[in-house]
């Protein structure tokens, strides 16, 4: 077991809270460093840390809704708790 710390960046636009998650592990597979290969060195071959990186992203998303002061509307301010919908469109977040 180990503890990882993530950073959240939040903006509220057009009635929607948008939260971005940052961690150094996410930047290890970026343009230039891996030849634009985000999921694996070759098609069908995953990086060994994919499961850890994707799990960290999913757990951070769940935690954000629980702890961040989101939804800057006149009717509600504070953590969403269970009243939240996640929109996920990639296999590792869906």
Protein backbone atom coordinates (compact mmCIF):
# COMPACT_ATOMS: atom_id res chain seq x y z
CA UNK A 1 0.00 0.00 0.00
CA UNK A 2 1.12 3.52 -0.73
CA UNK A 3 -0.43 6.94 -0.69
CA UNK A 4 -0.41 9.18 -3.75
CA UNK A 5 -1.27 12.88 -3.64
CA UNK A 6 -3.06 14.49 -6.57
CA UNK A 7 -3.85 18.14 -7.31
CA UNK A 8 -7.23 19.33 -8.53
CA UNK A 9 -7.86 22.27 -10.84
CA UNK A 10 -11.44 23.48 -10.99
CA UNK A 11 -13.42 25.86 -13.15
CA UNK A 12 -17.13 26.53 -13.41
CA UNK A 13 -18.33 27.31 -16.92
CA UNK A 14 -21.81 27.39 -18.43
CA UNK A 15 -23.33 25.80 -15.36
CA UNK A 16 -20.92 22.87 -15.28
CA UNK A 17 -18.13 22.13 -12.82
CA UNK A 18 -15.01 20.98 -14.60
CA UNK A 19 -12.32 19.32 -12.52
CA UNK A 20 -8.89 18.39 -13.83
CA UNK A 21 -6.61 15.99 -11.97
CA UNK A 22 -2.82 16.41 -11.90
CA UNK A 23 -0.15 13.95 -10.80
CA UNK A 24 3.45 13.50 -12.04
CA UNK A 25 2.59 9.95 -13.11
CA UNK A 26 0.19 11.35 -15.71
CA UNK A 27 2.92 13.43 -17.33
CA UNK A 28 5.34 10.54 -17.81
CA UNK A 29 3.56 9.50 -21.00
CA UNK A 30 3.33 12.76 -22.92
CA UNK A 31 4.14 13.96 -26.44
CA UNK A 32 7.84 13.79 -27.16
CA UNK A 33 8.84 11.56 -24.26
CA UNK A 34 7.11 8.44 -25.57
CA UNK A 35 6.74 9.28 -29.24
CA UNK A 36 3.06 10.20 -28.84
CA UNK A 37 2.23 6.74 -27.46
CA UNK A 38 -0.05 7.28 -24.46
CA UNK A 39 -1.22 3.71 -23.77
CA UNK A 40 1.73 1.58 -24.87
CA UNK A 41 4.96 1.56 -26.87
CA UNK A 42 3.24 -0.21 -29.77
CA UNK A 43 -0.35 -0.95 -30.74
CA UNK A 44 -1.73 -3.70 -28.51
CA UNK A 45 1.16 -3.47 -26.03
CA UNK A 46 0.32 -1.58 -22.81
CA UNK A 47 2.72 0.28 -20.55
CA UNK A 48 3.22 -1.61 -17.29
CA UNK A 49 1.90 1.26 -15.18
CA UNK A 50 -1.36 1.81 -17.11
CA UNK A 51 -3.50 0.09 -14.50
CA UNK A 52 -1.99 2.18 -11.70
CA UNK A 53 -2.30 5.47 -13.61
CA UNK A 54 -5.88 4.85 -14.70
CA UNK A 55 -6.91 3.64 -11.23
CA UNK A 56 -5.40 6.78 -9.68
CA UNK A 57 -7.34 8.97 -12.12
CA UNK A 58 -10.64 7.20 -11.36
CA UNK A 59 -10.13 7.31 -7.59
CA UNK A 60 -9.23 10.99 -7.76
CA UNK A 61 -12.41 11.74 -9.71
CA UNK A 62 -14.52 9.99 -7.08
CA UNK A 63 -12.72 11.84 -4.29
CA UNK A 64 -13.12 15.24 -6.00
CA UNK A 65 -16.90 15.05 -5.88
CA UNK A 66 -16.75 14.13 -2.21
CA UNK A 67 -14.31 16.77 -0.93
CA UNK A 68 -14.19 19.78 -3.26
CA UNK A 69 -16.44 22.81 -2.94
CA UNK A 70 -18.16 22.53 -6.31
CA UNK A 71 -21.29 23.90 -7.95
CA UNK A 72 -21.16 27.63 -7.42
CA UNK A 73 -24.90 28.07 -7.92
CA UNK A 74 -27.10 30.28 -5.76
CA UNK A 75 -28.90 27.19 -4.45
CA UNK A 76 -26.00 24.98 -3.47
CA UNK A 77 -22.38 25.25 -2.43
CA UNK A 78 -20.23 22.47 -1.07
CA UNK A 79 -19.23 18.93 -1.91
CA UNK A 80 -21.69 17.06 -4.10
CA UNK A 81 -21.46 13.88 -2.10
CA UNK A 82 -23.61 11.28 -3.84
CA UNK A 83 -25.51 13.79 -6.03
CA UNK A 84 -23.13 13.74 -8.97
CA UNK A 85 -22.91 12.40 -12.51
CA UNK A 86 -19.61 11.43 -14.12
CA UNK A 87 -19.17 11.72 -17.87
CA UNK A 88 -16.42 9.34 -18.97
CA UNK A 89 -15.58 8.53 -22.57
CA UNK A 90 -12.40 6.44 -22.59
CA UNK A 91 -12.06 2.79 -21.64
CA UNK A 92 -9.81 3.61 -18.68
CA UNK A 93 -12.30 6.07 -17.14
CA UNK A 94 -15.56 4.42 -18.21
